[in-house]
Amino acid sequence: CLSRVDVEESAAVADGLLKRMSEGEDNLPSPNIGTYNAVMKLWSLADGEKGKDGVNDTFSLLQNAAIAREDLCPDRDAFQILLAANSKEDNHFKYELALSRSRIGSAR
């Protein structure tokens, strides 16, 4: 049941596997863009700074890997995940600010 899944734990396990793949451990294949995107999507499901940091860290790994590999580069999905994760907090702040302003205006 998905309601029992610990998103942060799942993302951390996927992140560890991605790093092992990147380092060529255990005869694992090299990660492709889909692998990086899947890990970023998992991190994006985690709440707060931990999820955002996980997405940012994974994107940084992707950028570094892309320097060394010609067959790998961030795609549209990678950038969408990155932007969505980094805009969550700002959107929440803007929503709270707008809500507080509407409360002040209605109290007058």
C-alpha atoms as a PDB file:
ATOM      1  CA  CYS A   1       0.000   0.000   0.000  1.00  0.00           C
ATOM      2  CA  LEU A   2       1.469   3.350  -1.032  1.00  0.00           C
ATOM      3  CA  SER A   3       0.255   5.104   2.099  1.00  0.00           C
ATOM      4  CA  ARG A   4       2.824   3.085   4.086  1.00  0.00           C
ATOM      5  CA  VAL A   5       5.781   3.985   1.871  1.00  0.00           C
ATOM      6  CA  ASP A   6       8.397   6.240   3.429  1.00  0.00           C
ATOM      7  CA  VAL A   7       9.176   8.592   0.553  1.00  0.00           C
ATOM      8  CA  GLU A   8      12.423   9.918   2.024  1.00  0.00           C
ATOM      9  CA  GLU A   9      13.706   6.399   2.669  1.00  0.00           C
ATOM     10  CA  SER A  10      12.782   5.279  -0.845  1.00  0.00           C
ATOM     11  CA  ALA A  11      14.472   8.339  -2.344  1.00  0.00           C
ATOM     12  CA  ALA A  12      17.600   7.762  -0.248  1.00  0.00           C
ATOM     13  CA  VAL A  13      17.808   4.124  -1.371  1.00  0.00           C
ATOM     14  CA  ALA A  14      17.332   5.148  -5.014  1.00  0.00           C
ATOM     15  CA  ASP A  15      19.962   7.853  -4.559  1.00  0.00           C
ATOM     16  CA  GLY A  16      22.423   5.305  -3.201  1.00  0.00           C
ATOM     17  CA  LEU A  17      21.768   2.992  -6.123  1.00  0.00           C
ATOM     18  CA  LEU A  18      22.253   5.867  -8.568  1.00  0.00           C
ATOM     19  CA  LYS A  19      25.626   6.667  -7.004  1.00  0.00           C
ATOM     20  CA  ARG A  20      26.695   3.009  -7.181  1.00  0.00           C
ATOM     21  CA  MET A  21      25.649   2.924 -10.838  1.00  0.00           C
ATOM     22  CA  SER A  22      27.578   6.135 -11.530  1.00  0.00           C
ATOM     23  CA  GLU A  23      30.709   4.703  -9.962  1.00  0.00           C
ATOM     24  CA  GLY A  24      30.426   1.421 -11.876  1.00  0.00           C
ATOM     25  CA  GLU A  25      30.047  -0.678  -8.732  1.00  0.00           C
ATOM     26  CA  ASP A  26      28.664  -4.223  -8.703  1.00  0.00           C
ATOM     27  CA  ASN A  27      28.740  -4.423 -12.521  1.00  0.00           C
ATOM     28  CA  LEU A  28      25.712  -2.113 -12.617  1.00  0.00           C
ATOM     29  CA  PRO A  29      24.945  -0.304 -15.885  1.00  0.00           C
ATOM     30  CA  SER A  30      25.671   3.406 -16.168  1.00  0.00           C
ATOM     31  CA  PRO A  31      22.632   5.513 -15.344  1.00  0.00           C
ATOM     32  CA  ASN A  32      20.798   7.243 -18.187  1.00  0.00           C
ATOM     33  CA  ILE A  33      18.650  10.367 -18.084  1.00  0.00           C
ATOM     34  CA  GLY A  34      15.633   8.283 -17.070  1.00  0.00           C
ATOM     35  CA  THR A  35      17.488   7.011 -14.012  1.00  0.00           C
ATOM     36  CA  TYR A  36      18.410  10.517 -12.870  1.00  0.00           C
ATOM     37  CA  ASN A  37      14.854  11.771 -13.505  1.00  0.00           C
ATOM     38  CA  ALA A  38      13.339   8.873 -11.537  1.00  0.00           C
ATOM     39  CA  VAL A  39      15.513   9.677  -8.515  1.00  0.00           C
ATOM     40  CA  MET A  40      14.690  13.395  -8.767  1.00  0.00           C
ATOM     41  CA  LYS A  41      10.961  12.561  -8.968  1.00  0.00           C
ATOM     42  CA  LEU A  42      11.240  10.478  -5.813  1.00  0.00           C
ATOM     43  CA  TRP A  43      13.036  13.285  -3.976  1.00  0.00           C
ATOM     44  CA  SER A  44      10.426  15.772  -5.197  1.00  0.00           C
ATOM     45  CA  LEU A  45       7.764  13.800  -3.323  1.00  0.00           C
ATOM     46  CA  ALA A  46       9.570  14.328  -0.020  1.00  0.00           C
ATOM     47  CA  ASP A  47       8.438  17.317   2.011  1.00  0.00           C
ATOM     48  CA  GLY A  48      10.446  20.384   2.841  1.00  0.00           C
ATOM     49  CA  GLU A  49      14.102  21.150   2.404  1.00  0.00           C
ATOM     50  CA  LYS A  50      15.146  17.500   2.358  1.00  0.00           C
ATOM     51  CA  GLY A  51      13.165  16.846  -0.817  1.00  0.00           C
ATOM     52  CA  LYS A  52      14.335  20.047  -2.471  1.00  0.00           C
ATOM     53  CA  ASP A  53      17.954  19.353  -1.516  1.00  0.00           C
ATOM     54  CA  GLY A  54      17.667  15.803  -2.857  1.00  0.00           C
ATOM     55  CA  VAL A  55      16.433  17.086  -6.216  1.00  0.00           C
ATOM     56  CA  ASN A  56      19.179  19.723  -6.361  1.00  0.00           C
ATOM     57  CA  ASP A  57      21.890  17.233  -5.395  1.00  0.00           C
ATOM     58  CA  THR A  58      20.721  14.703  -7.979  1.00  0.00           C
ATOM     59  CA  PHE A  59      20.579  17.383 -10.658  1.00  0.00           C
ATOM     60  CA  SER A  60      24.163  18.360  -9.752  1.00  0.00           C
ATOM     61  CA  LEU A  61      25.213  14.720 -10.131  1.00  0.00           C
ATOM     62  CA  LEU A  62      23.539  14.708 -13.548  1.00  0.00           C
ATOM     63  CA  GLN A  63      25.347  17.876 -14.607  1.00  0.00           C
ATOM     64  CA  ASN A  64      28.706  16.467 -13.492  1.00  0.00           C
ATOM     65  CA  ALA A  65      28.062  13.175 -15.264  1.00  0.00           C
ATOM     66  CA  ALA A  66      27.040  15.041 -18.424  1.00  0.00           C
ATOM     67  CA  ILE A  67      30.455  16.714 -18.539  1.00  0.00           C
ATOM     68  CA  ALA A  68      32.153  13.326 -18.695  1.00  0.00           C
ATOM     69  CA  ARG A  69      29.641  11.596 -20.958  1.00  0.00           C
ATOM     70  CA  GLU A  70      28.565  12.826 -24.377  1.00  0.00           C
ATOM     71  CA  ASP A  71      25.470  10.592 -24.366  1.00  0.00           C
ATOM     72  CA  LEU A  72      23.998  12.212 -21.251  1.00  0.00           C
ATOM     73  CA  CYS A  73      22.496  15.656 -20.697  1.00  0.00           C
ATOM     74  CA  PRO A  74      19.584  17.101 -18.719  1.00  0.00           C
ATOM     75  CA  ASP A  75      16.328  16.954 -20.654  1.00  0.00           C
ATOM     76  CA  ARG A  76      13.061  18.852 -20.393  1.00  0.00           C
ATOM     77  CA  ASP A  77      11.745  16.524 -17.681  1.00  0.00           C
ATOM     78  CA  ALA A  78      14.869  17.068 -15.566  1.00  0.00           C
ATOM     79  CA  PHE A  79      14.474  20.834 -15.739  1.00  0.00           C
ATOM     80  CA  GLN A  80      10.737  20.623 -14.972  1.00  0.00           C
ATOM     81  CA  ILE A  81      11.395  18.506 -11.883  1.00  0.00           C
ATOM     82  CA  LEU A  82      14.143  20.912 -10.789  1.00  0.00           C
ATOM     83  CA  LEU A  83      11.970  23.998 -11.257  1.00  0.00           C
ATOM     84  CA  ALA A  84       8.954  22.446  -9.544  1.00  0.00           C
ATOM     85  CA  ALA A  85      10.974  21.371  -6.508  1.00  0.00           C
ATOM     86  CA  ASN A  86      12.591  24.773  -6.114  1.00  0.00           C
ATOM     87  CA  SER A  87       9.373  26.721  -6.537  1.00  0.00           C
ATOM     88  CA  LYS A  88       7.312  24.850  -3.930  1.00  0.00           C
ATOM     89  CA  GLU A  89       8.443  26.910  -0.974  1.00  0.00           C
ATOM     90  CA  ASP A  90       8.123  30.238  -2.778  1.00  0.00           C
ATOM     91  CA  ASN A  91       4.601  29.402  -3.936  1.00  0.00           C
ATOM     92  CA  HIS A  92       3.616  28.445  -0.397  1.00  0.00           C
ATOM     93  CA  PHE A  93       5.059  31.709   0.941  1.00  0.00           C
ATOM     94  CA  LYS A  94       3.210  33.757  -1.711  1.00  0.00           C
ATOM     95  CA  TYR A  95      -0.018  31.912  -0.890  1.00  0.00           C
ATOM     96  CA  GLU A  96       0.399  32.606   2.848  1.00  0.00           C
ATOM     97  CA  LEU A  97       1.221  36.266   2.176  1.00  0.00           C
ATOM     98  CA  ALA A  98      -1.827  36.698  -0.070  1.00  0.00           C
ATOM     99  CA  LEU A  99      -3.998  34.931   2.498  1.00  0.00           C
ATOM    100  CA  SER A 100      -2.749  37.123   5.342  1.00  0.00           C
ATOM    101  CA  ARG A 101      -3.328  40.278   3.264  1.00  0.00           C
ATOM    102  CA  SER A 102      -6.870  39.187   2.462  1.00  0.00           C
ATOM    103  CA  ARG A 103      -7.532  38.621   6.161  1.00  0.00           C
ATOM    104  CA  ILE A 104      -6.185  42.068   7.045  1.00  0.00           C
ATOM    105  CA  GLY A 105      -8.318  43.695   4.317  1.00  0.00           C
ATOM    106  CA  SER A 106     -11.476  41.918   5.443  1.00  0.00           C
ATOM    107  CA  ALA A 107     -10.902  42.915   9.083  1.00  0.00           C
ATOM    108  CA  ARG A 108     -11.107  46.612   8.256  1.00  0.00           C
END
